Protein backbone atom coordinates (compact mmCIF):
# COMPACT_ATOMS: atom_id res chain seq x y z
CA MET A 1 96.25 78.79 203.98
CA LEU A 2 98.99 77.34 206.21
CA ALA A 3 102.30 79.13 206.22
CA GLY A 4 105.48 77.14 205.61
CA ALA A 5 108.03 76.61 208.36
CA GLY A 6 111.01 78.92 208.69
CA ALA A 7 112.32 81.99 210.50
CA ALA A 8 110.22 85.14 210.25
CA PRO A 9 111.95 88.18 208.74
CA ALA A 10 112.58 91.17 210.97
CA GLY A 11 109.45 93.23 211.55
CA ALA A 12 107.10 90.48 210.42
CA GLN A 13 104.04 89.64 212.51
CA PRO A 14 104.49 86.51 214.64
CA PRO A 15 102.54 83.46 213.54
CA PRO A 16 99.12 82.99 215.15
CA PRO A 17 99.07 80.75 218.21
CA ALA A 18 98.42 77.07 217.62
CA ARG A 19 94.79 76.11 218.02
CA ASP A 20 93.79 72.61 218.96
CA THR A 21 90.14 73.29 219.87
CA LEU A 22 87.32 74.77 217.80
CA THR A 23 84.23 75.88 219.71
CA ILE A 24 81.00 76.14 217.74
CA GLY A 25 77.66 77.55 218.84
CA ILE A 26 74.28 76.21 217.73
CA THR A 27 70.76 77.00 218.95
CA GLN A 28 69.43 73.47 219.51
CA PHE A 29 70.41 70.32 221.36
CA PRO A 30 69.75 66.90 219.79
CA SER A 31 66.78 64.97 221.15
CA THR A 32 68.74 61.76 220.42
CA PHE A 33 72.16 60.82 219.05
CA HIS A 34 70.87 57.75 217.23
CA PRO A 35 71.44 58.25 213.49
CA ASN A 36 68.18 56.59 212.42
CA ILE A 37 65.71 57.85 215.05
CA ASP A 38 64.08 61.29 214.77
CA SER A 39 65.03 63.91 212.20
CA MET A 40 66.45 67.06 213.74
CA ALA A 41 68.92 69.58 212.34
CA ALA A 42 70.92 69.69 215.59
CA LYS A 43 71.50 65.95 215.48
CA SER A 44 72.41 66.08 211.80
CA TYR A 45 74.97 68.82 212.45
CA VAL A 46 76.64 67.14 215.43
CA LEU A 47 76.68 63.70 213.82
CA GLY A 48 78.20 65.21 210.69
CA PHE A 49 81.50 65.37 212.60
CA ALA A 50 81.25 61.83 213.95
CA ARG A 51 79.38 59.74 211.37
CA ARG A 52 79.73 59.06 207.68
CA PRO A 53 76.62 58.01 205.73
CA LEU A 54 76.87 55.87 202.62
CA THR A 55 75.95 58.77 200.33
CA ALA A 56 75.30 62.50 200.71
CA TYR A 57 74.77 65.57 198.55
CA GLY A 58 77.75 67.90 198.37
CA PRO A 59 78.06 71.68 198.20
CA ASP A 60 77.60 71.31 194.42
CA TRP A 61 74.26 69.51 195.07
CA ALA A 62 75.62 66.36 193.41
CA LEU A 63 75.29 62.95 195.07
CA ALA A 64 78.60 61.52 196.25
CA CYS A 65 79.80 58.45 198.12
CA LEU A 66 81.19 59.07 201.61
CA LEU A 67 81.29 55.57 203.07
CA CYS A 68 80.93 53.59 199.83
CA ASP A 69 83.42 53.26 196.98
CA ARG A 70 81.16 54.49 194.16
CA VAL A 71 77.66 55.82 193.56
CA PRO A 72 75.63 52.93 192.09
CA SER A 73 73.98 53.51 188.72
CA LEU A 74 72.31 51.57 185.93
CA GLU A 75 75.25 52.57 183.72
CA ASN A 76 78.03 51.25 185.99
CA GLY A 77 76.15 48.09 186.98
CA GLY A 78 75.70 49.10 190.59
CA ALA A 79 71.95 49.11 189.98
CA VAL A 80 70.06 46.54 187.92
CA ARG A 81 66.39 46.48 186.93
CA GLU A 82 64.57 43.28 187.81
CA THR A 83 61.13 41.83 188.40
CA THR A 84 59.96 41.36 191.98
CA PRO A 85 58.53 38.03 193.18
CA GLU A 86 55.08 39.63 192.73
CA GLY A 87 55.84 40.36 189.08
CA LYS A 88 56.30 44.13 189.49
CA PRO A 89 59.16 46.23 188.12
CA GLY A 90 61.87 46.44 190.77
CA ILE A 91 65.52 47.30 191.15
CA ARG A 92 68.50 45.90 193.00
CA VAL A 93 71.11 48.36 194.22
CA THR A 94 74.56 47.38 195.47
CA TRP A 95 76.69 49.41 197.86
CA ARG A 96 80.28 48.44 198.61
CA LEU A 97 81.81 49.90 201.75
CA ARG A 98 85.21 51.59 201.58
CA GLU A 99 88.00 49.20 202.48
CA ASP A 100 89.39 51.63 205.06
CA ALA A 101 86.03 52.28 206.79
CA ARG A 102 86.42 51.74 210.54
CA TRP A 103 84.44 52.34 213.70
CA GLY A 104 86.15 54.44 216.34
CA ASP A 105 87.41 51.34 218.19
CA GLY A 106 89.18 50.10 215.05
CA ALA A 107 86.65 47.43 214.05
CA PRO A 108 85.84 47.37 210.32
CA ILE A 109 82.45 48.71 209.27
CA SER A 110 80.89 45.66 207.70
CA ALA A 111 77.97 44.33 205.72
CA GLU A 112 76.60 42.97 209.02
CA ASP A 113 76.31 46.54 210.30
CA LEU A 114 74.21 47.39 207.25
CA ARG A 115 72.18 44.22 207.70
CA PHE A 116 71.35 45.13 211.28
CA ALA A 117 70.29 48.66 210.28
CA TRP A 118 68.02 47.18 207.61
CA GLU A 119 66.50 44.58 209.97
CA ALA A 120 65.82 47.20 212.64
CA GLY A 121 64.33 49.55 210.08
CA ARG A 122 62.06 46.84 208.65
CA GLU A 123 60.58 46.28 212.12
CA THR A 124 58.03 49.09 212.40
CA ALA A 125 58.04 49.02 216.22
CA THR A 126 61.65 50.27 216.15
CA GLY A 127 60.46 53.65 214.89
CA PHE A 128 63.13 54.29 212.27
CA GLY A 129 62.42 56.86 209.57
CA PRO A 130 61.77 57.34 206.76
CA ALA A 131 59.69 54.17 207.00
CA GLU A 132 58.93 53.96 203.27
CA PHE A 133 62.58 53.17 202.46
CA TYR A 134 62.51 50.09 204.66
CA ARG A 135 59.09 48.98 203.44
CA SER A 136 60.26 49.16 199.84
CA ALA A 137 63.64 47.45 200.47
CA TYR A 138 62.14 43.98 200.88
CA GLU A 139 65.40 41.97 200.82
CA LEU A 140 69.03 42.55 201.77
CA VAL A 141 71.66 40.22 200.36
CA VAL A 142 75.15 40.17 201.86
CA GLN A 143 77.55 39.66 198.96
CA ASP A 144 80.73 39.71 201.05
CA ALA A 145 82.09 41.33 204.21
CA ARG A 146 81.92 44.82 202.64
CA THR A 147 79.12 44.53 200.10
CA VAL A 148 75.34 44.42 200.33
CA THR A 149 72.59 44.46 197.74
CA LEU A 150 69.14 45.82 198.53
CA ARG A 151 66.17 44.70 196.46
CA PHE A 152 63.41 47.29 196.12
CA ASP A 153 59.83 46.61 195.10
CA LYS A 154 59.77 49.73 192.90
CA ILE A 155 62.14 51.72 190.71
CA THR A 156 62.69 55.33 191.76
CA PHE A 157 64.85 58.16 190.41
CA GLU A 158 66.40 58.36 193.90
CA TYR A 159 67.62 54.75 193.85
CA ALA A 160 71.32 55.70 194.15
CA SER A 161 70.84 57.69 197.35
CA ALA A 162 70.99 55.65 200.53
CA GLY A 163 69.40 58.58 202.37
CA GLU A 164 69.05 57.89 206.08
CA PHE A 165 69.99 54.21 205.64
CA GLN A 166 73.42 53.95 207.24
CA PRO A 167 75.32 51.26 209.15
CA LEU A 168 74.86 50.67 212.86
CA PRO A 169 77.48 48.77 214.88
CA ALA A 170 75.69 45.44 215.18
CA ARG A 171 78.03 44.05 217.84
CA ILE A 172 77.06 46.96 220.14
CA GLU A 173 73.44 47.60 219.23
CA ARG A 174 71.86 44.30 218.17
CA ASP A 175 71.50 42.85 221.68
CA ARG A 176 69.91 46.10 222.86
CA TRP A 177 67.38 45.88 220.02
CA GLN A 178 66.41 42.23 220.20
CA GLY A 179 63.50 41.19 222.38
CA ASP A 180 61.87 44.60 222.83
CA HIS A 181 62.00 46.54 219.60
CA ARG A 182 59.70 49.27 220.86
CA GLY A 183 61.91 50.00 223.86
CA TYR A 184 65.12 50.07 221.82
CA ARG A 185 65.13 53.85 221.49
CA ASN A 186 65.44 54.08 225.28
CA ARG A 187 68.27 51.52 225.49
CA THR A 188 70.47 52.39 222.51
CA ALA A 189 74.10 53.04 223.38
CA TYR A 190 73.89 56.20 221.28
CA ASP A 191 71.97 57.77 224.15
CA THR A 192 72.95 55.67 227.18
CA GLU A 193 76.71 55.34 226.46
CA THR A 194 77.25 58.05 223.84
CA ALA A 195 81.02 58.23 224.32
CA THR A 196 81.52 54.59 223.25
CA PRO A 197 84.17 54.79 220.47
CA GLY A 198 82.64 51.96 218.45
CA LEU A 199 79.53 54.02 217.67
CA TRP A 200 81.37 56.54 215.53
CA SER A 201 82.83 56.43 212.03
CA GLY A 202 83.77 60.03 211.12
CA PRO A 203 86.89 62.16 211.60
CA TYR A 204 85.75 62.79 215.18
CA ARG A 205 84.02 60.76 217.86
CA VAL A 206 81.78 61.94 220.67
CA THR A 207 83.68 61.83 223.96
CA ALA A 208 81.35 63.74 226.30
CA VAL A 209 77.78 65.01 226.40
CA GLN A 210 76.44 67.74 228.65
CA PRO A 211 72.67 67.21 228.29
CA GLY A 212 71.00 70.30 226.92
CA ALA A 213 74.29 72.23 226.92
CA GLY A 214 76.89 70.76 224.61
CA VAL A 215 78.84 67.94 223.02
CA THR A 216 82.60 67.36 223.00
CA LEU A 217 84.18 65.57 220.05
CA GLU A 218 87.80 64.49 219.70
CA ARG A 219 89.82 63.12 216.81
CA ASN A 220 88.91 59.58 215.85
CA GLU A 221 92.24 57.75 215.73
CA ALA A 222 90.69 55.03 213.59
CA TRP A 223 89.68 57.52 210.88
CA ALA A 224 91.60 56.74 207.66
CA GLY A 225 90.77 59.92 205.73
CA PRO A 226 92.55 63.28 205.77
CA ALA A 227 93.43 64.27 209.33
CA PRO A 228 91.17 67.03 210.65
CA ALA A 229 92.80 70.28 211.73
CA PHE A 230 91.63 70.35 215.33
CA ARG A 231 92.22 67.87 218.11
CA ARG A 232 88.89 68.72 219.71
CA ILE A 233 85.61 70.28 218.65
CA GLN A 234 83.15 71.59 221.21
CA VAL A 235 79.57 72.16 220.07
CA ARG A 236 77.72 74.32 222.57
CA THR A 237 73.97 74.80 222.63
CA VAL A 238 72.82 78.37 223.28
CA GLU A 239 69.10 78.46 222.59
CA ASN A 240 68.80 82.25 222.94
CA THR A 241 70.25 83.90 219.84
CA ALA A 242 71.11 87.14 221.69
CA ALA A 243 73.17 85.11 224.17
CA LEU A 244 74.69 83.18 221.26
CA GLU A 245 75.91 86.44 219.70
CA ALA A 246 77.20 87.71 223.03
CA GLN A 247 79.27 84.56 223.57
CA LEU A 248 80.67 84.84 220.05
CA LEU A 249 81.75 88.46 220.62
CA ALA A 250 83.21 87.58 224.02
CA GLY A 251 85.39 84.89 222.46
CA GLN A 252 83.63 82.04 224.24
CA LEU A 253 82.66 80.71 220.81
CA ASP A 254 84.87 80.67 217.71
CA MET A 255 82.03 80.35 215.21
CA VAL A 256 78.28 79.98 214.83
CA ALA A 257 76.92 77.26 212.57
CA GLY A 258 74.71 78.63 209.79
CA GLU A 259 72.48 75.59 209.92
CA LEU A 260 71.37 76.46 213.47
CA GLY A 261 72.70 79.88 214.25
CA LEU A 262 71.96 83.56 214.01
CA PRO A 263 69.02 84.83 211.94
CA VAL A 264 70.22 86.69 208.85
CA GLU A 265 69.22 90.13 210.10
CA GLN A 266 71.07 89.56 213.39
CA ALA A 267 74.13 88.31 211.50
CA ALA A 268 74.02 91.33 209.18
CA ALA A 269 73.96 93.70 212.16
CA LEU A 270 76.85 91.77 213.73
CA GLU A 271 78.81 92.00 210.49
CA ARG A 272 78.39 95.79 210.47
CA ARG A 273 79.38 96.20 214.12
CA ALA A 274 82.32 93.80 214.12
CA ALA A 275 83.61 94.64 210.65
CA GLY A 276 86.55 92.45 209.66
CA ARG A 277 86.47 90.20 212.70
CA PHE A 278 84.48 87.34 211.18
CA ASN A 279 83.67 85.88 207.80
CA VAL A 280 79.89 86.05 207.37
CA PHE A 281 78.48 84.04 204.48
CA TYR A 282 74.80 84.10 203.54
CA LYS A 283 73.71 80.89 201.86
CA PRO A 284 70.23 80.70 200.33
CA GLY A 285 69.00 77.15 200.11
CA LEU A 286 66.39 74.49 200.66
CA VAL A 287 65.33 75.60 204.13
CA TYR A 288 61.55 76.01 204.25
CA GLU A 289 60.23 78.13 207.12
CA HIS A 290 56.54 77.39 207.60
CA LEU A 291 53.72 76.79 210.05
CA ASP A 292 52.79 73.18 210.66
CA VAL A 293 49.11 73.06 211.64
CA GLN A 294 47.09 70.51 213.61
CA HIS A 295 44.45 69.26 211.16
CA ASP A 296 42.44 67.67 213.96
CA HIS A 297 41.81 71.16 215.37
CA PRO A 298 38.14 72.19 214.82
CA ALA A 299 39.17 75.36 212.97
CA LEU A 300 42.50 74.51 211.37
CA GLY A 301 41.13 71.35 209.78
CA ASP A 302 39.11 73.58 207.39
CA LYS A 303 41.19 74.72 204.42
CA ARG A 304 39.21 77.98 204.26
CA VAL A 305 40.54 78.90 207.68
CA ARG A 306 44.08 78.00 206.64
CA GLN A 307 43.69 80.10 203.48
CA ALA A 308 42.34 82.99 205.56
CA LEU A 309 45.34 82.79 207.90
CA LEU A 310 47.68 83.13 204.94
CA LEU A 311 45.66 85.98 203.41
CA ALA A 312 45.77 87.81 206.75
CA THR A 313 49.58 87.46 206.86
CA ASP A 314 51.68 90.09 205.13
CA ARG A 315 54.69 87.89 204.50
CA ALA A 316 56.43 90.41 202.25
CA GLN A 317 56.28 92.98 205.04
CA ILE A 318 57.67 90.50 207.56
CA VAL A 319 60.56 89.61 205.26
CA ALA A 320 61.28 93.31 204.69
CA ARG A 321 60.96 94.43 208.32
CA LEU A 322 62.52 91.50 210.14
CA PHE A 323 64.92 89.99 207.62
CA GLU A 324 66.21 92.89 205.49
CA ASN A 325 64.59 91.28 202.43
CA ARG A 326 67.10 88.41 202.61
CA GLN A 327 64.40 85.70 202.59
CA THR A 328 62.24 84.59 199.65
CA VAL A 329 58.48 84.44 200.23
CA ALA A 330 57.27 80.85 199.72
CA HIS A 331 54.11 79.83 197.88
CA SER A 332 54.60 76.08 198.26
CA SER A 333 57.21 73.81 199.77
CA VAL A 334 59.33 73.68 196.56
CA ASN A 335 62.13 76.25 196.52
CA PRO A 336 62.71 78.42 193.41
CA LEU A 337 66.31 77.14 193.49
CA ASP A 338 65.03 73.60 192.90
CA ARG A 339 64.78 72.66 189.23
CA MET A 340 61.23 71.33 189.74
CA HIS A 341 59.86 74.62 191.08
CA ASP A 342 56.74 75.81 189.22
CA ALA A 343 56.64 79.61 188.97
CA ASP A 344 52.92 79.47 188.08
CA THR A 345 51.91 78.01 191.45
CA ARG A 346 48.96 79.80 193.05
CA GLN A 347 49.82 82.62 195.40
CA TRP A 348 48.00 84.07 198.40
CA PRO A 349 48.80 87.81 198.58
CA HIS A 350 48.00 89.84 201.68
CA ASP A 351 44.23 90.48 201.50
CA PRO A 352 42.45 91.03 204.86
CA ARG A 353 39.03 91.51 203.23
CA ARG A 354 39.20 88.21 201.43
CA ALA A 355 40.42 86.56 204.63
CA ALA A 356 37.36 87.91 206.47
CA ALA A 357 35.02 86.64 203.76
CA LEU A 358 36.51 83.13 203.93
CA LEU A 359 36.14 83.03 207.70
CA ASP A 360 32.51 84.14 207.39
CA GLU A 361 31.92 81.44 204.82
CA ALA A 362 33.50 78.84 207.12
CA GLY A 363 31.02 79.78 209.88
CA TRP A 364 33.33 81.82 212.13
CA ARG A 365 31.53 85.05 213.09
CA ARG A 366 32.88 87.91 215.15
CA GLY A 367 31.96 87.93 218.82
CA PRO A 368 31.58 90.97 221.08
CA ASP A 369 35.31 90.89 221.90
CA GLY A 370 36.26 90.81 218.21
CA ILE A 371 37.32 87.15 218.27
CA ARG A 372 35.40 84.90 215.92
CA ARG A 373 33.21 82.04 217.16
CA ASN A 374 31.46 79.16 215.48
CA ALA A 375 27.81 78.17 215.90
CA ALA A 376 28.69 76.22 219.06
CA GLY A 377 30.24 79.33 220.61
CA GLU A 378 33.82 78.03 220.39
CA LYS A 379 36.46 80.71 219.84
CA LEU A 380 38.73 80.72 216.82
CA SER A 381 41.72 80.28 219.09
CA PHE A 382 44.80 78.06 219.04
CA GLU A 383 48.35 77.79 220.35
CA LEU A 384 51.20 79.22 218.27
CA MET A 385 54.49 77.51 219.12
CA THR A 386 58.13 77.68 218.09
CA THR A 387 61.60 76.88 219.40
CA ALA A 388 62.13 78.85 222.61
CA GLY A 389 65.02 81.32 222.57
CA ASN A 390 65.12 81.82 218.78
CA ARG A 391 64.85 85.60 218.69
CA ALA A 392 63.82 85.80 215.02
CA ARG A 393 61.07 83.21 215.34
CA GLU A 394 59.76 84.78 218.53
CA ALA A 395 59.59 88.13 216.72
CA VAL A 396 57.70 86.48 213.85
CA GLN A 397 55.26 85.01 216.37
CA GLN A 398 54.51 88.45 217.76
CA VAL A 399 53.92 89.85 214.28
CA LEU A 400 51.68 86.95 213.27
CA GLN A 401 49.65 87.31 216.44
CA GLY A 402 49.22 91.01 215.70
CA MET A 403 48.25 90.45 212.08
CA TRP A 404 45.70 87.75 212.87
CA ARG A 405 43.90 89.51 215.71
CA PRO A 406 42.22 92.14 213.46
CA ALA A 407 40.87 89.20 211.43
CA GLY A 408 39.26 87.84 214.62
CA ILE A 409 41.81 85.08 215.23
CA ASP A 410 43.29 84.51 218.68
CA ALA A 411 46.80 82.98 218.65
CA ARG A 412 48.21 82.12 222.09
CA ILE A 413 52.00 81.99 222.11
CA ARG A 414 53.59 79.08 223.97
CA ASN A 415 57.14 77.93 223.24
CA GLU A 416 59.28 74.96 224.20
CA PRO A 417 62.99 74.07 223.99
CA PRO A 418 63.73 72.50 220.59
CA ARG A 419 64.46 69.05 222.02
CA VAL A 420 60.99 69.02 223.66
CA LEU A 421 59.12 70.55 220.73
CA PHE A 422 60.58 68.11 218.20
CA GLY A 423 61.19 65.12 220.43
CA GLU A 424 57.78 65.12 222.15
CA THR A 425 55.15 67.68 221.13
CA LEU A 426 55.40 67.34 217.36
CA SER A 427 56.53 63.74 217.01
CA ARG A 428 53.79 62.46 219.35
CA ARG A 429 51.16 64.75 217.79
CA ARG A 430 50.48 66.81 220.90
CA LEU A 431 50.39 70.08 218.96
CA GLN A 432 47.30 72.15 219.86
CA GLY A 433 47.44 74.61 216.99
CA ALA A 434 50.35 75.75 214.81
CA ALA A 435 54.13 75.42 215.10
CA LEU A 436 56.70 77.67 213.41
CA PHE A 437 59.84 75.83 212.33
CA ALA A 438 61.76 74.80 209.20
CA TRP A 439 62.19 71.72 207.08
CA VAL A 440 65.45 71.31 205.19
CA SER A 441 65.66 68.92 202.26
CA GLY A 442 67.93 67.66 199.53
CA PRO A 443 67.66 68.65 195.87
CA GLU A 444 64.41 67.43 194.29
CA ASN A 445 63.39 65.77 197.51
CA VAL A 446 59.99 64.05 197.33
CA PRO A 447 58.22 65.15 200.56
CA ARG A 448 56.61 61.83 201.33
CA SER A 449 57.57 61.80 205.00
CA THR A 450 55.86 65.15 205.67
CA LEU A 451 52.78 64.88 203.40
CA HIS A 452 51.76 61.24 202.89
CA SER A 453 48.91 60.08 205.11
CA ASP A 454 50.84 56.90 205.91
CA GLU A 455 53.56 59.05 207.50
CA ILE A 456 51.30 60.41 210.26
CA PRO A 457 53.09 59.44 213.51
CA ARG A 458 51.21 56.86 215.54
CA ALA A 459 51.91 54.68 218.53
CA GLU A 460 51.94 51.35 216.70
CA ARG A 461 54.88 52.61 214.61
CA ASN A 462 56.60 54.06 217.65
CA TRP A 463 55.88 57.60 216.40
CA SER A 464 57.96 57.43 213.22
CA GLY A 465 56.88 59.72 210.36
CA GLN A 466 56.91 63.51 210.01
CA ASN A 467 53.35 64.33 208.93
CA PHE A 468 52.90 65.89 212.35
CA GLY A 469 49.72 67.77 211.49
CA GLY A 470 47.88 64.65 210.37
CA TRP A 471 46.98 65.92 206.87
CA ARG A 472 45.25 63.44 204.56
CA ASN A 473 44.73 63.81 200.80
CA ALA A 474 44.26 60.82 198.50
CA GLU A 475 45.49 62.60 195.34
CA MET A 476 48.63 63.78 197.12
CA ASP A 477 49.26 60.24 198.39
CA ALA A 478 49.03 58.94 194.81
CA LEU A 479 51.38 61.66 193.54
CA LEU A 480 53.94 60.96 196.26
CA GLU A 481 53.92 57.30 195.26
CA ALA A 482 54.09 57.97 191.51
CA LEU A 483 56.66 60.77 191.53
CA PRO A 484 59.71 58.78 192.68
CA GLN A 485 58.97 56.05 190.14
CA GLU A 486 59.17 58.37 187.13
CA LEU A 487 62.79 58.26 185.96
CA ASP A 488 62.36 60.82 183.17
CA ALA A 489 62.98 64.31 184.61
CA GLU A 490 60.73 66.11 182.15
CA ARG A 491 57.80 63.78 182.79
CA ARG A 492 58.38 64.25 186.52
CA ARG A 493 58.00 67.98 186.03
CA SER A 494 54.25 67.74 185.39
CA LEU A 495 53.82 65.63 188.53
CA TRP A 496 55.77 68.19 190.53
CA SER A 497 53.58 70.97 189.16
CA ARG A 498 50.45 69.16 190.26
CA LEU A 499 51.96 68.54 193.71
CA GLN A 500 52.65 72.26 194.10
CA ALA A 501 49.16 73.15 192.88
CA ILE A 502 47.53 70.87 195.48
CA TYR A 503 49.81 72.21 198.19
CA ALA A 504 48.99 75.83 197.37
CA GLU A 505 45.25 75.12 197.34
CA GLU A 506 44.94 72.82 200.34
CA LEU A 507 47.75 74.34 202.46
CA PRO A 508 48.68 71.27 204.53
CA ALA A 509 51.14 73.70 206.13
CA LEU A 510 51.30 77.47 205.77
CA PRO A 511 54.30 78.51 203.62
CA LEU A 512 56.19 81.53 204.90
CA TRP A 513 59.61 81.89 203.25
CA PHE A 514 62.71 80.07 202.10
CA ARG A 515 65.52 80.87 204.44
CA ALA A 516 69.04 82.04 203.80
CA ASP A 517 71.42 80.77 206.48
CA ALA A 518 74.07 83.08 207.94
CA HIS A 519 77.32 81.19 208.53
CA VAL A 520 79.75 83.01 210.83
CA TRP A 521 83.28 81.71 211.21
CA PRO A 522 86.62 83.23 212.29
CA ARG A 523 88.90 84.73 209.69
CA TRP A 524 91.61 82.24 210.63
CA LEU A 525 89.47 79.30 209.43
CA ASP A 526 89.29 78.10 205.82
CA GLY A 527 87.46 75.30 204.03
CA VAL A 528 83.93 75.65 205.41
CA ARG A 529 81.57 75.10 202.47
CA PRO A 530 77.87 75.76 203.15
CA THR A 531 75.62 73.50 201.11
CA GLY A 532 72.16 75.08 201.25
CA HIS A 533 70.51 71.69 201.76
CA LEU A 534 70.01 68.97 204.35
CA ASN A 535 73.59 67.65 204.41
CA PRO A 536 75.48 70.01 206.77
CA THR A 537 78.91 71.60 206.49
CA SER A 538 80.13 69.32 209.29
CA LEU A 539 80.09 66.33 206.91
CA ARG A 540 83.25 67.73 205.34
CA VAL A 541 85.06 68.89 208.47
CA GLU A 542 88.25 67.17 207.30
CA GLU A 543 88.52 69.98 204.71
CA TRP A 544 88.53 72.73 207.39
CA ARG A 545 91.95 74.27 207.82
CA LEU A 546 93.69 77.04 209.75
CA ARG A 547 94.91 79.91 207.61
């Protein structure tokens, strides 16, 4: 808390020095600063300081308005059921922007900014995601300068959440988009002139970018909400977690963001060594650490091989040895903290003998060097990738490689910086095997963008979509389309159970564990509230205060 003004009594400790800059360390650098292009945790964290979406989930996991004046609902009239022109059940949802919403140059955030975002998203060549939102929102009606209504061709339980749909400054971006929609991502001011004040709508605005190294943000004078505590925030990228810890201890960093910071076991060791110097908060949540696999690979496209990989992996031992039992072994992509988690979902316990039998059945026989081969003599071999410099993930890679080799599986480790792995290798489907990384979601988030066959990135859609592995399953597609349209939570539960059953059987990705994030901040800082889901702590930076 802040102390009141006045003379200090004799013998009292002097007040702490004024602080006008907060320096934060994260382990990744954004591949883009455009709010609607590419999903990456680093971008989400940085833009949380400088952007305000229409709606977001809070630390209490409840949906709240940030840029709008109320969450639309059927009860308050913000959402209305209707029939589409094709005669199908539809819904119209109205969002009204806050009267005090301003871009960083003082211009009002307007309905035209929402219209432009919708038009750009509807054009598939732009490459906005998630594409399904824009396909379903078939009409946008401007009601007045601050109000728009979207008409959707289906009713979903998520209708009140605007998700990734957020305004873009039309007067800056529209001319860059028109004419060559496909090339827009290379011309957007968010990446070519990132310090332009009119791009930003949060308590801070980006004032400088050091590519690959850091971002400087300063107070947005046009921000009408509570004044943030710091004049400047510096977000530094330190991809090696050992170096990240060293900079924190040396005072070069004030805090490390839990969303993209130290692995829990490294944070726990730091907490023991530097007792009392930092607040360390462990937040379990909807962070799903897994292995994305390339389904076009001759071995990994066979579910028996994927099942064998999981059977050959002693995940409980990894969690115990590397993470001090602070992670929860995953059996599907739905977290036990989520109300739709099914505890009866099939599990794949560590069983090397069963793994060997499945590989034999799939036609992969041991060769003279112990590595399995198929009838054509091809080795059961693939690349195993992750984000370079993440000490915990690199340790997991080594353990996985060691566990798989006795099963006759050759995993070749090759890592890339996060901005390359996510911005190029995964998004353009250049993965040659498996990639270790995490998805983070909101509460009861339908995983259409990662599992639906229509979300496989492809050139004609400018590589939008997050089904990087190229998995296809007709029943899953049907479930992902039906699930959002079931408004009754109990009836949704059976659909969720079936989704988890298919996932556990087919293993479109290999589930490892649900992650707890270790948030490390200085003892002189208050108000940081970890959420445990996709909306980062930075979205509420105006609540951060000096003690």
